[in-house]
Amino acid sequence: MVFAKKEILLKDGRACILRPAQASDAQAMLDYLRAVSAETPFLLRGEEEITDTLESEERLLEQKREDPREMMMVAEADGWIAGNCAVLSYGSPRRAAHRCGFAIAVRKAYWGLGLGSAMLGYACSLAQTLGYEQMELEVVEGNERAKRLYERFGFEETGKNYRALKYADGAYRDEYRMVKVLNG
């Protein structure tokens, strides 16, 4: 999905642009993904697991632009990608067509500046435009900052996936499932 760019001001006064990701963002996106994956244990992949090629990342970003039921947003600040988020379809089954998934990440340098809130708010609005009635996500145990953000936006915890992530040192973390009804 291609959507309108939106300029926001971060809490420290810097400008940030929320816009659709595009194929030309591929190298910057790969660099960003490696950076955020190294900064937090709360993402699905570690830094060493970001092994996508430039070509595969270009294809993915172009696919998200062209898909009428999905969107990939980048938050551009200070000349680089400061954050990204996505609204993800659960596919074509009619019985699940009202639901979408949500994923988000923000560079540590931009934590606490309102960027996550701005992206989540815009993504919820875009998800409704795409016809979704319900947005779903998982948040890793211990990621209290993210969990509070989701709760502020009306997400409710609906379950727990035990030992959802296993780390290199053998430790496990649970994930909490959260859901927000968009049109209720």
C-alpha atoms as a PDB file:
ATOM      1  CA  MET A   1       0.000   0.000   0.000  1.00  0.00           C
ATOM      2  CA  VAL A   2       1.179   3.454  -0.824  1.00  0.00           C
ATOM      3  CA  PHE A   3      -0.066   6.036   1.661  1.00  0.00           C
ATOM      4  CA  ALA A   4       0.424   9.752   2.270  1.00  0.00           C
ATOM      5  CA  LYS A   5       3.632  10.953   3.876  1.00  0.00           C
ATOM      6  CA  LYS A   6       3.177  12.458   7.293  1.00  0.00           C
ATOM      7  CA  GLU A   7       5.574  14.845   9.005  1.00  0.00           C
ATOM      8  CA  ILE A   8       5.774  14.698  12.777  1.00  0.00           C
ATOM      9  CA  LEU A   9       7.850  16.477  15.381  1.00  0.00           C
ATOM     10  CA  LEU A  10       9.675  14.343  17.895  1.00  0.00           C
ATOM     11  CA  LYS A  11       9.579  15.376  21.550  1.00  0.00           C
ATOM     12  CA  ASP A  12      13.016  16.962  21.169  1.00  0.00           C
ATOM     13  CA  GLY A  13      11.796  19.143  18.272  1.00  0.00           C
ATOM     14  CA  ARG A  14      13.420  17.228  15.400  1.00  0.00           C
ATOM     15  CA  ALA A  15      11.372  16.578  12.288  1.00  0.00           C
ATOM     16  CA  CYS A  16      10.567  13.053  11.197  1.00  0.00           C
ATOM     17  CA  ILE A  17       8.773  11.811   8.088  1.00  0.00           C
ATOM     18  CA  LEU A  18       6.523   8.760   8.189  1.00  0.00           C
ATOM     19  CA  ARG A  19       6.302   7.372   4.666  1.00  0.00           C
ATOM     20  CA  PRO A  20       5.869   4.199   2.652  1.00  0.00           C
ATOM     21  CA  ALA A  21       8.994   2.075   2.300  1.00  0.00           C
ATOM     22  CA  GLN A  22      10.267   1.732  -1.252  1.00  0.00           C
ATOM     23  CA  ALA A  23      12.774  -0.457  -3.083  1.00  0.00           C
ATOM     24  CA  SER A  24      15.402   2.300  -2.994  1.00  0.00           C
ATOM     25  CA  ASP A  25      15.359   2.024   0.836  1.00  0.00           C
ATOM     26  CA  ALA A  26      16.682  -1.549   0.702  1.00  0.00           C
ATOM     27  CA  GLN A  27      20.301  -0.929   1.762  1.00  0.00           C
ATOM     28  CA  ALA A  28      19.312   1.588   4.428  1.00  0.00           C
ATOM     29  CA  MET A  29      16.665  -0.856   5.688  1.00  0.00           C
ATOM     30  CA  LEU A  30      19.172  -3.705   5.957  1.00  0.00           C
ATOM     31  CA  ASP A  31      21.591  -1.439   7.851  1.00  0.00           C
ATOM     32  CA  TYR A  32      18.761  -0.307  10.111  1.00  0.00           C
ATOM     33  CA  LEU A  33      17.576  -3.878  10.779  1.00  0.00           C
ATOM     34  CA  ARG A  34      21.095  -4.931  11.770  1.00  0.00           C
ATOM     35  CA  ALA A  35      21.368  -1.921  14.080  1.00  0.00           C
ATOM     36  CA  VAL A  36      18.030  -2.364  15.879  1.00  0.00           C
ATOM     37  CA  SER A  37      18.535  -6.125  16.165  1.00  0.00           C
ATOM     38  CA  ALA A  38      21.834  -5.466  17.971  1.00  0.00           C
ATOM     39  CA  GLU A  39      20.248  -2.888  20.311  1.00  0.00           C
ATOM     40  CA  THR A  40      17.495  -5.007  21.865  1.00  0.00           C
ATOM     41  CA  PRO A  41      16.736  -8.642  22.684  1.00  0.00           C
ATOM     42  CA  PHE A  42      13.039  -8.085  22.009  1.00  0.00           C
ATOM     43  CA  LEU A  43      13.021  -8.585  18.225  1.00  0.00           C
ATOM     44  CA  LEU A  44      12.528 -11.906  16.463  1.00  0.00           C
ATOM     45  CA  ARG A  45      15.981 -11.971  14.853  1.00  0.00           C
ATOM     46  CA  GLY A  46      19.434 -11.182  16.138  1.00  0.00           C
ATOM     47  CA  GLU A  47      21.862  -8.984  14.223  1.00  0.00           C
ATOM     48  CA  GLU A  48      23.684 -11.994  12.757  1.00  0.00           C
ATOM     49  CA  GLU A  49      20.392 -13.295  11.340  1.00  0.00           C
ATOM     50  CA  ILE A  50      19.837 -10.275   9.086  1.00  0.00           C
ATOM     51  CA  THR A  51      21.212 -12.051   6.024  1.00  0.00           C
ATOM     52  CA  ASP A  52      18.808 -10.850   3.330  1.00  0.00           C
ATOM     53  CA  THR A  53      20.411  -9.779   0.087  1.00  0.00           C
ATOM     54  CA  LEU A  54      19.948  -6.299  -1.313  1.00  0.00           C
ATOM     55  CA  GLU A  55      17.877  -7.773  -4.141  1.00  0.00           C
ATOM     56  CA  SER A  56      15.580  -9.751  -1.839  1.00  0.00           C
ATOM     57  CA  GLU A  57      15.048  -6.688   0.361  1.00  0.00           C
ATOM     58  CA  GLU A  58      14.217  -4.583  -2.712  1.00  0.00           C
ATOM     59  CA  ARG A  59      11.655  -7.204  -3.784  1.00  0.00           C
ATOM     60  CA  LEU A  60      10.114  -7.327  -0.309  1.00  0.00           C
ATOM     61  CA  LEU A  61       9.778  -3.561  -0.048  1.00  0.00           C
ATOM     62  CA  GLU A  62       8.280  -3.313  -3.530  1.00  0.00           C
ATOM     63  CA  GLN A  63       5.858  -6.144  -2.720  1.00  0.00           C
ATOM     64  CA  LYS A  64       4.651  -4.245   0.373  1.00  0.00           C
ATOM     65  CA  ARG A  65       4.083  -1.105  -1.744  1.00  0.00           C
ATOM     66  CA  GLU A  66       2.029  -3.032  -4.293  1.00  0.00           C
ATOM     67  CA  ASP A  67       0.029  -5.182  -1.868  1.00  0.00           C
ATOM     68  CA  PRO A  68      -3.465  -3.709  -1.372  1.00  0.00           C
ATOM     69  CA  ARG A  69      -3.796  -5.345   2.083  1.00  0.00           C
ATOM     70  CA  GLU A  70      -0.365  -4.633   3.632  1.00  0.00           C
ATOM     71  CA  MET A  71       1.857  -1.667   4.346  1.00  0.00           C
ATOM     72  CA  MET A  72       5.448  -1.046   5.378  1.00  0.00           C
ATOM     73  CA  MET A  73       6.241   2.335   6.932  1.00  0.00           C
ATOM     74  CA  VAL A  74       9.624   3.905   7.528  1.00  0.00           C
ATOM     75  CA  ALA A  75      10.273   6.777   9.889  1.00  0.00           C
ATOM     76  CA  GLU A  76      13.022   8.945   8.439  1.00  0.00           C
ATOM     77  CA  ALA A  77      14.866  11.361  10.714  1.00  0.00           C
ATOM     78  CA  ASP A  78      18.304  12.913  10.550  1.00  0.00           C
ATOM     79  CA  GLY A  79      18.853  11.378   7.101  1.00  0.00           C
ATOM     80  CA  TRP A  80      18.399   7.756   8.105  1.00  0.00           C
ATOM     81  CA  ILE A  81      15.741   5.226   9.080  1.00  0.00           C
ATOM     82  CA  ALA A  82      14.895   5.817  12.732  1.00  0.00           C
ATOM     83  CA  GLY A  83      12.058   3.283  12.867  1.00  0.00           C
ATOM     84  CA  ASN A  84       9.752   1.120  10.833  1.00  0.00           C
ATOM     85  CA  CYS A  85       6.480  -0.706  11.211  1.00  0.00           C
ATOM     86  CA  ALA A  86       4.238  -2.942   9.165  1.00  0.00           C
ATOM     87  CA  VAL A  87       0.618  -3.978   8.894  1.00  0.00           C
ATOM     88  CA  LEU A  88       0.555  -7.606   7.800  1.00  0.00           C
ATOM     89  CA  SER A  89      -2.306  -9.574   6.258  1.00  0.00           C
ATOM     90  CA  TYR A  90      -3.253 -13.009   7.568  1.00  0.00           C
ATOM     91  CA  GLY A  91      -3.945 -14.045   3.994  1.00  0.00           C
ATOM     92  CA  SER A  92      -7.062 -14.611   1.987  1.00  0.00           C
ATOM     93  CA  PRO A  93      -9.281 -16.842   4.137  1.00  0.00           C
ATOM     94  CA  ARG A  94     -12.562 -15.005   4.461  1.00  0.00           C
ATOM     95  CA  ARG A  95     -12.866 -15.876   8.133  1.00  0.00           C
ATOM     96  CA  ALA A  96      -9.575 -14.135   8.977  1.00  0.00           C
ATOM     97  CA  ALA A  97      -9.795 -11.230   6.508  1.00  0.00           C
ATOM     98  CA  HIS A  98     -10.863  -8.821   9.263  1.00  0.00           C
ATOM     99  CA  ARG A  99      -7.580  -9.351  11.176  1.00  0.00           C
ATOM    100  CA  CYS A 100      -4.089  -8.002  10.603  1.00  0.00           C
ATOM    101  CA  GLY A 101      -0.767  -8.343  12.327  1.00  0.00           C
ATOM    102  CA  PHE A 102       1.464  -5.482  13.424  1.00  0.00           C
ATOM    103  CA  ALA A 103       5.232  -5.236  13.889  1.00  0.00           C
ATOM    104  CA  ILE A 104       7.371  -2.259  14.902  1.00  0.00           C
ATOM    105  CA  ALA A 105      10.964  -1.383  15.792  1.00  0.00           C
ATOM    106  CA  VAL A 106      12.685   1.887  16.710  1.00  0.00           C
ATOM    107  CA  ARG A 107      16.396   2.713  16.913  1.00  0.00           C
ATOM    108  CA  LYS A 108      17.499   3.123  20.515  1.00  0.00           C
ATOM    109  CA  ALA A 109      18.595   6.728  19.842  1.00  0.00           C
ATOM    110  CA  TYR A 110      14.903   7.552  19.217  1.00  0.00           C
ATOM    111  CA  TRP A 111      13.353   5.762  22.197  1.00  0.00           C
ATOM    112  CA  GLY A 112      11.211   7.993  24.387  1.00  0.00           C
ATOM    113  CA  LEU A 113      10.739  10.674  21.701  1.00  0.00           C
ATOM    114  CA  GLY A 114       7.191   9.755  20.643  1.00  0.00           C
ATOM    115  CA  LEU A 115       8.206   7.984  17.445  1.00  0.00           C
ATOM    116  CA  GLY A 116       6.652   4.639  18.381  1.00  0.00           C
ATOM    117  CA  SER A 117       3.403   6.353  19.330  1.00  0.00           C
ATOM    118  CA  ALA A 118       3.294   8.292  16.067  1.00  0.00           C
ATOM    119  CA  MET A 119       3.946   5.206  13.943  1.00  0.00           C
ATOM    120  CA  LEU A 120       1.446   3.060  15.864  1.00  0.00           C
ATOM    121  CA  GLY A 121      -1.272   5.710  15.669  1.00  0.00           C
ATOM    122  CA  TYR A 122      -0.791   6.191  11.936  1.00  0.00           C
ATOM    123  CA  ALA A 123      -0.625   2.414  11.359  1.00  0.00           C
ATOM    124  CA  CYS A 124      -3.924   1.872  13.204  1.00  0.00           C
ATOM    125  CA  SER A 125      -5.559   4.484  10.989  1.00  0.00           C
ATOM    126  CA  LEU A 126      -4.089   2.919   7.835  1.00  0.00           C
ATOM    127  CA  ALA A 127      -5.195  -0.562   8.945  1.00  0.00           C
ATOM    128  CA  GLN A 128      -8.783   0.704   9.173  1.00  0.00           C
ATOM    129  CA  THR A 129      -8.416   2.234   5.688  1.00  0.00           C
ATOM    130  CA  LEU A 130      -7.327  -1.212   4.486  1.00  0.00           C
ATOM    131  CA  GLY A 131     -10.571  -2.619   5.895  1.00  0.00           C
ATOM    132  CA  TYR A 132      -9.209  -4.356   8.977  1.00  0.00           C
ATOM    133  CA  GLU A 133     -11.321  -4.514  12.114  1.00  0.00           C
ATOM    134  CA  GLN A 134      -8.731  -5.991  14.447  1.00  0.00           C
ATOM    135  CA  MET A 135      -4.959  -5.562  14.880  1.00  0.00           C
ATOM    136  CA  GLU A 136      -2.861  -8.223  16.608  1.00  0.00           C
ATOM    137  CA  LEU A 137       0.725  -8.377  17.841  1.00  0.00           C
ATOM    138  CA  GLU A 138       3.100 -10.205  20.121  1.00  0.00           C
ATOM    139  CA  VAL A 139       5.292  -8.505  22.709  1.00  0.00           C
ATOM    140  CA  VAL A 140       8.258 -10.262  24.301  1.00  0.00           C
ATOM    141  CA  GLU A 141       8.314 -10.781  28.052  1.00  0.00           C
ATOM    142  CA  GLY A 142      10.321  -7.995  29.683  1.00  0.00           C
ATOM    143  CA  ASN A 143       9.596  -5.389  27.005  1.00  0.00           C
ATOM    144  CA  GLU A 144       7.557  -3.247  29.370  1.00  0.00           C
ATOM    145  CA  ARG A 145       8.102  -0.043  27.362  1.00  0.00           C
ATOM    146  CA  ALA A 146       6.420  -1.575  24.311  1.00  0.00           C
ATOM    147  CA  LYS A 147       3.667  -3.236  26.339  1.00  0.00           C
ATOM    148  CA  ARG A 148       2.736   0.102  27.944  1.00  0.00           C
ATOM    149  CA  LEU A 149       2.664   1.745  24.497  1.00  0.00           C
ATOM    150  CA  TYR A 150       0.299  -0.896  23.165  1.00  0.00           C
ATOM    151  CA  GLU A 151      -1.942  -0.632  26.224  1.00  0.00           C
ATOM    152  CA  ARG A 152      -2.140   3.164  25.799  1.00  0.00           C
ATOM    153  CA  PHE A 153      -3.444   2.553  22.282  1.00  0.00           C
ATOM    154  CA  GLY A 154      -6.127   0.144  23.477  1.00  0.00           C
ATOM    155  CA  PHE A 155      -4.437  -3.211  22.952  1.00  0.00           C
ATOM    156  CA  GLU A 156      -5.428  -5.872  25.464  1.00  0.00           C
ATOM    157  CA  GLU A 157      -3.473  -8.939  26.462  1.00  0.00           C
ATOM    158  CA  THR A 158      -5.278 -12.073  25.284  1.00  0.00           C
ATOM    159  CA  GLY A 159      -2.805 -14.870  25.918  1.00  0.00           C
ATOM    160  CA  LYS A 160       0.736 -16.054  26.368  1.00  0.00           C
ATOM    161  CA  ASN A 161       3.020 -18.156  24.198  1.00  0.00           C
ATOM    162  CA  TYR A 162       5.411 -19.878  26.596  1.00  0.00           C
ATOM    163  CA  ARG A 163       9.081 -20.166  25.619  1.00  0.00           C
ATOM    164  CA  ALA A 164       8.337 -18.402  22.335  1.00  0.00           C
ATOM    165  CA  LEU A 165      11.908 -17.217  21.809  1.00  0.00           C
ATOM    166  CA  LYS A 166      15.120 -19.121  22.511  1.00  0.00           C
ATOM    167  CA  TYR A 167      18.368 -17.190  22.748  1.00  0.00           C
ATOM    168  CA  ALA A 168      21.934 -18.241  21.956  1.00  0.00           C
ATOM    169  CA  ASP A 169      22.693 -18.769  25.666  1.00  0.00           C
ATOM    170  CA  GLY A 170      19.802 -21.251  25.943  1.00  0.00           C
ATOM    171  CA  ALA A 171      17.469 -18.862  27.794  1.00  0.00           C
ATOM    172  CA  TYR A 172      13.810 -18.594  26.795  1.00  0.00           C
ATOM    173  CA  ARG A 173      11.352 -15.712  26.834  1.00  0.00           C
ATOM    174  CA  ASP A 174       7.587 -15.834  26.630  1.00  0.00           C
ATOM    175  CA  GLU A 175       5.516 -13.675  24.316  1.00  0.00           C
ATOM    176  CA  TYR A 176       2.247 -11.986  25.204  1.00  0.00           C
ATOM    177  CA  ARG A 177      -0.434 -11.803  22.523  1.00  0.00           C
ATOM    178  CA  MET A 178      -2.262  -8.484  22.344  1.00  0.00           C
ATOM    179  CA  VAL A 179      -5.295  -7.439  20.305  1.00  0.00           C
ATOM    180  CA  LYS A 180      -6.947  -4.111  19.504  1.00  0.00           C
ATOM    181  CA  VAL A 181     -10.424  -3.842  17.997  1.00  0.00           C
ATOM    182  CA  LEU A 182     -10.105  -1.024  15.456  1.00  0.00           C
ATOM    183  CA  ASN A 183     -13.735  -0.207  14.812  1.00  0.00           C
ATOM    184  CA  GLY A 184     -15.183  -0.800  18.238  1.00  0.00           C
END
